[in-house]
Amino acid sequence: MKKISTAGWISNPTRGTMSARTGFHCPRNGFWRPTGGIGEPLFVFEGSLMPTHGGNSIEWHLVDTRPGHSGLD
């Protein structure tokens, strides 16, 4: 079984936030938005590679994990 690296994850439990960088495995199912709030949230499945944004490597911020919500409400 392949081990998923957590090196690209950043978790801040005191603020309730989680982020992951492009090219690293997604730590949790949910809607992710580029850090800084640019762009629409994108649903990423846990274990999938975090995508690029506009062809660039970026940091993604977890917005919402509830099914049917995009983190915009």
PDB file of N, CA and C in Angstrom:
ATOM      1  N   MET A   1       0.844  -1.166   0.000  1.00  0.00           N
ATOM      2  CA  MET A   1       0.000   0.000   0.000  1.00  0.00           C
ATOM      3  C   MET A   1       0.894   1.235   0.000  1.00  0.00           C
ATOM      4  N   LYS A   2       0.549   2.210  -0.834  1.00  0.00           N
ATOM      5  CA  LYS A   2       1.321   3.433  -0.932  1.00  0.00           C
ATOM      6  C   LYS A   2       0.975   4.365   0.223  1.00  0.00           C
ATOM      7  N   LYS A   3       2.009   4.912   0.841  1.00  0.00           N
ATOM      8  CA  LYS A   3       1.812   5.864   1.933  1.00  0.00           C
ATOM      9  C   LYS A   3       1.676   7.267   1.360  1.00  0.00           C
ATOM     10  N   ILE A   4       0.664   7.994   1.811  1.00  0.00           N
ATOM     11  CA  ILE A   4       0.440   9.361   1.360  1.00  0.00           C
ATOM     12  C   ILE A   4       1.227  10.304   2.257  1.00  0.00           C
ATOM     13  N   SER A   5       2.062  11.112   1.632  1.00  0.00           N
ATOM     14  CA  SER A   5       2.887  12.063   2.380  1.00  0.00           C
ATOM     15  C   SER A   5       2.042  13.216   2.899  1.00  0.00           C
ATOM     16  N   THR A   6       2.312  13.629   4.117  1.00  0.00           N
ATOM     17  CA  THR A   6       1.614  14.772   4.705  1.00  0.00           C
ATOM     18  C   THR A   6       2.477  16.029   4.659  1.00  0.00           C
ATOM     19  N   ALA A   7       3.594  15.984   3.951  1.00  0.00           N
ATOM     20  CA  ALA A   7       4.537  17.098   3.925  1.00  0.00           C
ATOM     21  C   ALA A   7       3.930  18.389   3.371  1.00  0.00           C
ATOM     22  N   GLY A   8       2.971  18.292   2.460  1.00  0.00           N
ATOM     23  CA  GLY A   8       2.390  19.496   1.866  1.00  0.00           C
ATOM     24  C   GLY A   8       1.169  20.014   2.587  1.00  0.00           C
ATOM     25  N   TRP A   9       0.836  19.433   3.728  1.00  0.00           N
ATOM     26  CA  TRP A   9      -0.355  19.842   4.474  1.00  0.00           C
ATOM     27  C   TRP A   9       0.020  20.813   5.574  1.00  0.00           C
ATOM     28  N   ILE A  10      -0.860  21.759   5.815  1.00  0.00           N
ATOM     29  CA  ILE A  10      -0.706  22.667   6.946  1.00  0.00           C
ATOM     30  C   ILE A  10      -2.038  22.674   7.672  1.00  0.00           C
ATOM     31  N   SER A  11      -2.017  22.393   8.946  1.00  0.00           N
ATOM     32  CA  SER A  11      -3.242  22.393   9.730  1.00  0.00           C
ATOM     33  C   SER A  11      -3.078  23.325  10.912  1.00  0.00           C
ATOM     34  N   ASN A  12      -4.079  24.157  11.135  1.00  0.00           N
ATOM     35  CA  ASN A  12      -4.058  25.083  12.262  1.00  0.00           C
ATOM     36  C   ASN A  12      -5.311  24.823  13.087  1.00  0.00           C
ATOM     37  N   PRO A  13      -5.260  23.876  14.044  1.00  0.00           N
ATOM     38  CA  PRO A  13      -6.444  23.508  14.817  1.00  0.00           C
ATOM     39  C   PRO A  13      -7.048  24.647  15.627  1.00  0.00           C
ATOM     40  N   THR A  14      -6.233  25.614  16.038  1.00  0.00           N
ATOM     41  CA  THR A  14      -6.782  26.717  16.825  1.00  0.00           C
ATOM     42  C   THR A  14      -7.670  27.616  15.977  1.00  0.00           C
ATOM     43  N   ARG A  15      -7.385  27.707  14.703  1.00  0.00           N
ATOM     44  CA  ARG A  15      -8.209  28.509  13.812  1.00  0.00           C
ATOM     45  C   ARG A  15      -9.181  27.650  13.019  1.00  0.00           C
ATOM     46  N   GLY A  16      -9.053  26.324  13.119  1.00  0.00           N
ATOM     47  CA  GLY A  16      -9.937  25.422  12.399  1.00  0.00           C
ATOM     48  C   GLY A  16      -9.699  25.421  10.900  1.00  0.00           C
ATOM     49  N   THR A  17      -8.454  25.678  10.495  1.00  0.00           N
ATOM     50  CA  THR A  17      -8.150  25.733   9.073  1.00  0.00           C
ATOM     51  C   THR A  17      -7.231  24.610   8.650  1.00  0.00           C
ATOM     52  N   MET A  18      -7.273  24.297   7.358  1.00  0.00           N
ATOM     53  CA  MET A  18      -6.393  23.295   6.790  1.00  0.00           C
ATOM     54  C   MET A  18      -6.041  23.762   5.387  1.00  0.00           C
ATOM     55  N   SER A  19      -4.796  23.568   4.987  1.00  0.00           N
ATOM     56  CA  SER A  19      -4.395  23.927   3.638  1.00  0.00           C
ATOM     57  C   SER A  19      -3.472  22.857   3.076  1.00  0.00           C
ATOM     58  N   ALA A  20      -3.364  22.854   1.750  1.00  0.00           N
ATOM     59  CA  ALA A  20      -2.512  21.887   1.058  1.00  0.00           C
ATOM     60  C   ALA A  20      -1.997  22.532  -0.215  1.00  0.00           C
ATOM     61  N   ARG A  21      -0.801  22.165  -0.623  1.00  0.00           N
ATOM     62  CA  ARG A  21      -0.188  22.740  -1.820  1.00  0.00           C
ATOM     63  C   ARG A  21      -0.445  21.891  -3.054  1.00  0.00           C
ATOM     64  N   THR A  22      -0.418  22.550  -4.201  1.00  0.00           N
ATOM     65  CA  THR A  22      -0.531  21.884  -5.493  1.00  0.00           C
ATOM     66  C   THR A  22       0.491  20.753  -5.572  1.00  0.00           C
ATOM     67  N   GLY A  23       0.041  19.605  -6.087  1.00  0.00           N
ATOM     68  CA  GLY A  23       0.935  18.465  -6.285  1.00  0.00           C
ATOM     69  C   GLY A  23       1.006  17.509  -5.112  1.00  0.00           C
ATOM     70  N   PHE A  24       0.470  17.907  -3.952  1.00  0.00           N
ATOM     71  CA  PHE A  24       0.431  17.030  -2.790  1.00  0.00           C
ATOM     72  C   PHE A  24      -0.953  16.396  -2.689  1.00  0.00           C
ATOM     73  N   HIS A  25      -1.051  15.290  -1.971  1.00  0.00           N
ATOM     74  CA  HIS A  25      -2.333  14.608  -1.804  1.00  0.00           C
ATOM     75  C   HIS A  25      -3.268  15.407  -0.905  1.00  0.00           C
ATOM     76  N   CYS A  26      -4.539  15.436  -1.303  1.00  0.00           N
ATOM     77  CA  CYS A  26      -5.566  16.147  -0.541  1.00  0.00           C
ATOM     78  C   CYS A  26      -5.792  15.433   0.796  1.00  0.00           C
ATOM     79  N   PRO A  27      -5.723  16.155   1.915  1.00  0.00           N
ATOM     80  CA  PRO A  27      -5.876  15.521   3.216  1.00  0.00           C
ATOM     81  C   PRO A  27      -7.323  15.235   3.615  1.00  0.00           C
ATOM     82  N   ARG A  28      -8.292  15.861   2.923  1.00  0.00           N
ATOM     83  CA  ARG A  28      -9.689  15.705   3.335  1.00  0.00           C
ATOM     84  C   ARG A  28     -10.639  16.075   2.196  1.00  0.00           C
ATOM     85  N   ASN A  29     -11.720  15.282   2.030  1.00  0.00           N
ATOM     86  CA  ASN A  29     -12.754  15.636   1.065  1.00  0.00           C
ATOM     87  C   ASN A  29     -13.283  17.017   1.386  1.00  0.00           C
ATOM     88  N   GLY A  30     -13.578  17.789   0.374  1.00  0.00           N
ATOM     89  CA  GLY A  30     -14.217  19.070   0.628  1.00  0.00           C
ATOM     90  C   GLY A  30     -13.985  20.075  -0.474  1.00  0.00           C
ATOM     91  N   PHE A  31     -14.554  21.253  -0.259  1.00  0.00           N
ATOM     92  CA  PHE A  31     -14.374  22.359  -1.182  1.00  0.00           C
ATOM     93  C   PHE A  31     -13.140  23.138  -0.772  1.00  0.00           C
ATOM     94  N   TRP A  32     -12.244  23.314  -1.720  1.00  0.00           N
ATOM     95  CA  TRP A  32     -10.983  23.998  -1.501  1.00  0.00           C
ATOM     96  C   TRP A  32     -10.941  25.247  -2.364  1.00  0.00           C
ATOM     97  N   ARG A  33     -10.392  26.325  -1.811  1.00  0.00           N
ATOM     98  CA  ARG A  33     -10.285  27.594  -2.529  1.00  0.00           C
ATOM     99  C   ARG A  33      -8.825  28.030  -2.468  1.00  0.00           C
ATOM    100  N   PRO A  34      -8.338  28.660  -3.545  1.00  0.00           N
ATOM    101  CA  PRO A  34      -6.974  29.184  -3.480  1.00  0.00           C
ATOM    102  C   PRO A  34      -6.818  30.152  -2.311  1.00  0.00           C
ATOM    103  N   THR A  35      -5.702  30.068  -1.593  1.00  0.00           N
ATOM    104  CA  THR A  35      -5.445  30.971  -0.478  1.00  0.00           C
ATOM    105  C   THR A  35      -5.488  32.402  -0.990  1.00  0.00           C
ATOM    106  N   GLY A  36      -6.124  33.254  -0.246  1.00  0.00           N
ATOM    107  CA  GLY A  36      -6.300  34.637  -0.652  1.00  0.00           C
ATOM    108  C   GLY A  36      -7.688  34.878  -1.224  1.00  0.00           C
ATOM    109  N   GLY A  37      -8.477  33.806  -1.359  1.00  0.00           N
ATOM    110  CA  GLY A  37      -9.855  33.938  -1.813  1.00  0.00           C
ATOM    111  C   GLY A  37     -10.036  34.176  -3.292  1.00  0.00           C
ATOM    112  N   ILE A  38      -8.974  34.022  -4.084  1.00  0.00           N
ATOM    113  CA  ILE A  38      -9.110  34.215  -5.525  1.00  0.00           C
ATOM    114  C   ILE A  38      -9.685  32.959  -6.155  1.00  0.00           C
ATOM    115  N   GLY A  39     -10.715  33.085  -6.949  1.00  0.00           N
ATOM    116  CA  GLY A  39     -11.295  31.935  -7.632  1.00  0.00           C
ATOM    117  C   GLY A  39     -12.400  31.260  -6.842  1.00  0.00           C
ATOM    118  N   GLU A  40     -13.155  30.436  -7.540  1.00  0.00           N
ATOM    119  CA  GLU A  40     -14.268  29.699  -6.959  1.00  0.00           C
ATOM    120  C   GLU A  40     -13.762  28.451  -6.241  1.00  0.00           C
ATOM    121  N   PRO A  41     -14.489  27.997  -5.207  1.00  0.00           N
ATOM    122  CA  PRO A  41     -14.117  26.742  -4.541  1.00  0.00           C
ATOM    123  C   PRO A  41     -14.220  25.560  -5.509  1.00  0.00           C
ATOM    124  N   LEU A  42     -13.397  24.571  -5.283  1.00  0.00           N
ATOM    125  CA  LEU A  42     -13.337  23.376  -6.114  1.00  0.00           C
ATOM    126  C   LEU A  42     -13.398  22.163  -5.193  1.00  0.00           C
ATOM    127  N   PHE A  43     -14.270  21.180  -5.514  1.00  0.00           N
ATOM    128  CA  PHE A  43     -14.344  19.979  -4.681  1.00  0.00           C
ATOM    129  C   PHE A  43     -13.192  19.053  -5.045  1.00  0.00           C
ATOM    130  N   VAL A  44     -12.450  18.612  -4.021  1.00  0.00           N
ATOM    131  CA  VAL A  44     -11.327  17.693  -4.208  1.00  0.00           C
ATOM    132  C   VAL A  44     -11.523  16.514  -3.257  1.00  0.00           C
ATOM    133  N   PHE A  45     -11.357  15.297  -3.786  1.00  0.00           N
ATOM    134  CA  PHE A  45     -11.495  14.088  -2.971  1.00  0.00           C
ATOM    135  C   PHE A  45     -10.208  13.796  -2.207  1.00  0.00           C
ATOM    136  N   GLU A  46     -10.354  13.322  -0.976  1.00  0.00           N
ATOM    137  CA  GLU A  46      -9.213  12.935  -0.149  1.00  0.00           C
ATOM    138  C   GLU A  46      -8.340  11.947  -0.910  1.00  0.00           C
ATOM    139  N   GLY A  47      -7.038  12.175  -0.903  1.00  0.00           N
ATOM    140  CA  GLY A  47      -6.086  11.294  -1.573  1.00  0.00           C
ATOM    141  C   GLY A  47      -5.755  11.724  -2.988  1.00  0.00           C
ATOM    142  N   SER A  48      -6.605  12.575  -3.584  1.00  0.00           N
ATOM    143  CA  SER A  48      -6.328  13.092  -4.927  1.00  0.00           C
ATOM    144  C   SER A  48      -5.208  14.120  -4.845  1.00  0.00           C
ATOM    145  N   LEU A  49      -4.528  14.340  -5.964  1.00  0.00           N
ATOM    146  CA  LEU A  49      -3.508  15.378  -5.984  1.00  0.00           C
ATOM    147  C   LEU A  49      -4.179  16.745  -6.063  1.00  0.00           C
ATOM    148  N   MET A  50      -3.686  17.680  -5.275  1.00  0.00           N
ATOM    149  CA  MET A  50      -4.214  19.043  -5.318  1.00  0.00           C
ATOM    150  C   MET A  50      -3.846  19.651  -6.665  1.00  0.00           C
ATOM    151  N   PRO A  51      -4.813  20.301  -7.311  1.00  0.00           N
ATOM    152  CA  PRO A  51      -4.595  20.806  -8.668  1.00  0.00           C
ATOM    153  C   PRO A  51      -3.842  22.140  -8.715  1.00  0.00           C
ATOM    154  N   THR A  52      -3.498  22.516  -9.944  1.00  0.00           N
ATOM    155  CA  THR A  52      -2.936  23.845 -10.171  1.00  0.00           C
ATOM    156  C   THR A  52      -4.090  24.832 -10.283  1.00  0.00           C
ATOM    157  N   HIS A  53      -3.778  26.103 -10.273  1.00  0.00           N
ATOM    158  CA  HIS A  53      -4.795  27.148 -10.476  1.00  0.00           C
ATOM    159  C   HIS A  53      -4.218  28.119 -11.499  1.00  0.00           C
ATOM    160  N   GLY A  54      -4.871  28.185 -12.658  1.00  0.00           N
ATOM    161  CA  GLY A  54      -4.353  29.043 -13.725  1.00  0.00           C
ATOM    162  C   GLY A  54      -2.983  28.606 -14.207  1.00  0.00           C
ATOM    163  N   GLY A  55      -2.709  27.296 -14.085  1.00  0.00           N
ATOM    164  CA  GLY A  55      -1.424  26.758 -14.507  1.00  0.00           C
ATOM    165  C   GLY A  55      -0.292  26.965 -13.506  1.00  0.00           C
ATOM    166  N   ASN A  56      -0.624  27.490 -12.339  1.00  0.00           N
ATOM    167  CA  ASN A  56       0.394  27.772 -11.319  1.00  0.00           C
ATOM    168  C   ASN A  56       0.247  26.871 -10.097  1.00  0.00           C
ATOM    169  N   SER A  57       1.363  26.603  -9.452  1.00  0.00           N
ATOM    170  CA  SER A  57       1.372  25.867  -8.192  1.00  0.00           C
ATOM    171  C   SER A  57       0.999  26.845  -7.080  1.00  0.00           C
ATOM    172  N   ILE A  58      -0.028  26.484  -6.289  1.00  0.00           N
ATOM    173  CA  ILE A  58      -0.521  27.387  -5.246  1.00  0.00           C
ATOM    174  C   ILE A  58      -0.809  26.626  -3.961  1.00  0.00           C
ATOM    175  N   GLU A  59      -1.208  27.357  -2.942  1.00  0.00           N
ATOM    176  CA  GLU A  59      -1.681  26.770  -1.695  1.00  0.00           C
ATOM    177  C   GLU A  59      -3.201  26.868  -1.680  1.00  0.00           C
ATOM    178  N   TRP A  60      -3.855  25.753  -1.331  1.00  0.00           N
ATOM    179  CA  TRP A  60      -5.310  25.679  -1.258  1.00  0.00           C
ATOM    180  C   TRP A  60      -5.746  25.686   0.192  1.00  0.00           C
ATOM    181  N   HIS A  61      -6.896  26.288   0.469  1.00  0.00           N
ATOM    182  CA  HIS A  61      -7.452  26.395   1.811  1.00  0.00           C
ATOM    183  C   HIS A  61      -8.795  25.657   1.838  1.00  0.00           C
ATOM    184  N   LEU A  62      -8.993  24.771   2.821  1.00  0.00           N
ATOM    185  CA  LEU A  62     -10.253  24.042   2.950  1.00  0.00           C
ATOM    186  C   LEU A  62     -11.349  25.009   3.380  1.00  0.00           C
ATOM    187  N   VAL A  63     -12.435  25.062   2.581  1.00  0.00           N
ATOM    188  CA  VAL A  63     -13.525  25.990   2.832  1.00  0.00           C
ATOM    189  C   VAL A  63     -14.696  25.296   3.530  1.00  0.00           C
ATOM    190  N   ASP A  64     -15.103  24.105   3.027  1.00  0.00           N
ATOM    191  CA  ASP A  64     -16.289  23.423   3.557  1.00  0.00           C
ATOM    192  C   ASP A  64     -16.208  21.934   3.230  1.00  0.00           C
ATOM    193  N   THR A  65     -16.625  21.101   4.168  1.00  0.00           N
ATOM    194  CA  THR A  65     -16.590  19.652   3.950  1.00  0.00           C
ATOM    195  C   THR A  65     -17.994  19.058   3.821  1.00  0.00           C
ATOM    196  N   ARG A  66     -19.019  19.882   3.917  1.00  0.00           N
ATOM    197  CA  ARG A  66     -20.390  19.360   3.862  1.00  0.00           C
ATOM    198  C   ARG A  66     -20.818  19.103   2.429  1.00  0.00           C
ATOM    199  N   PRO A  67     -21.350  17.908   2.144  1.00  0.00           N
ATOM    200  CA  PRO A  67     -21.851  17.625   0.801  1.00  0.00           C
ATOM    201  C   PRO A  67     -22.946  18.622   0.411  1.00  0.00           C
ATOM    202  N   GLY A  68     -22.922  19.058  -0.819  1.00  0.00           N
ATOM    203  CA  GLY A  68     -23.958  19.967  -1.316  1.00  0.00           C
ATOM    204  C   GLY A  68     -23.707  21.426  -0.996  1.00  0.00           C
ATOM    205  N   HIS A  69     -22.591  21.743  -0.322  1.00  0.00           N
ATOM    206  CA  HIS A  69     -22.246  23.134  -0.001  1.00  0.00           C
ATOM    207  C   HIS A  69     -20.943  23.491  -0.675  1.00  0.00           C
ATOM    208  N   SER A  70     -20.842  24.696  -1.150  1.00  0.00           N
ATOM    209  CA  SER A  70     -19.614  25.130  -1.814  1.00  0.00           C
ATOM    210  C   SER A  70     -18.791  26.091  -0.965  1.00  0.00           C
ATOM    211  N   GLY A  71     -19.234  26.300   0.287  1.00  0.00           N
ATOM    212  CA  GLY A  71     -18.495  27.193   1.167  1.00  0.00           C
ATOM    213  C   GLY A  71     -18.785  28.655   0.891  1.00  0.00           C
ATOM    214  N   LEU A  72     -19.767  28.920   0.037  1.00  0.00           N
ATOM    215  CA  LEU A  72     -20.100  30.299  -0.313  1.00  0.00           C
ATOM    216  C   LEU A  72     -21.223  30.866   0.534  1.00  0.00           C
ATOM    217  N   ASP A  73     -21.923  30.019   1.319  1.00  0.00           N
ATOM    218  CA  ASP A  73     -23.054  30.507   2.110  1.00  0.00           C
ATOM    219  C   ASP A  73     -22.706  30.615   3.569  1.00  0.00           C
TER     220      ASP A  73
END
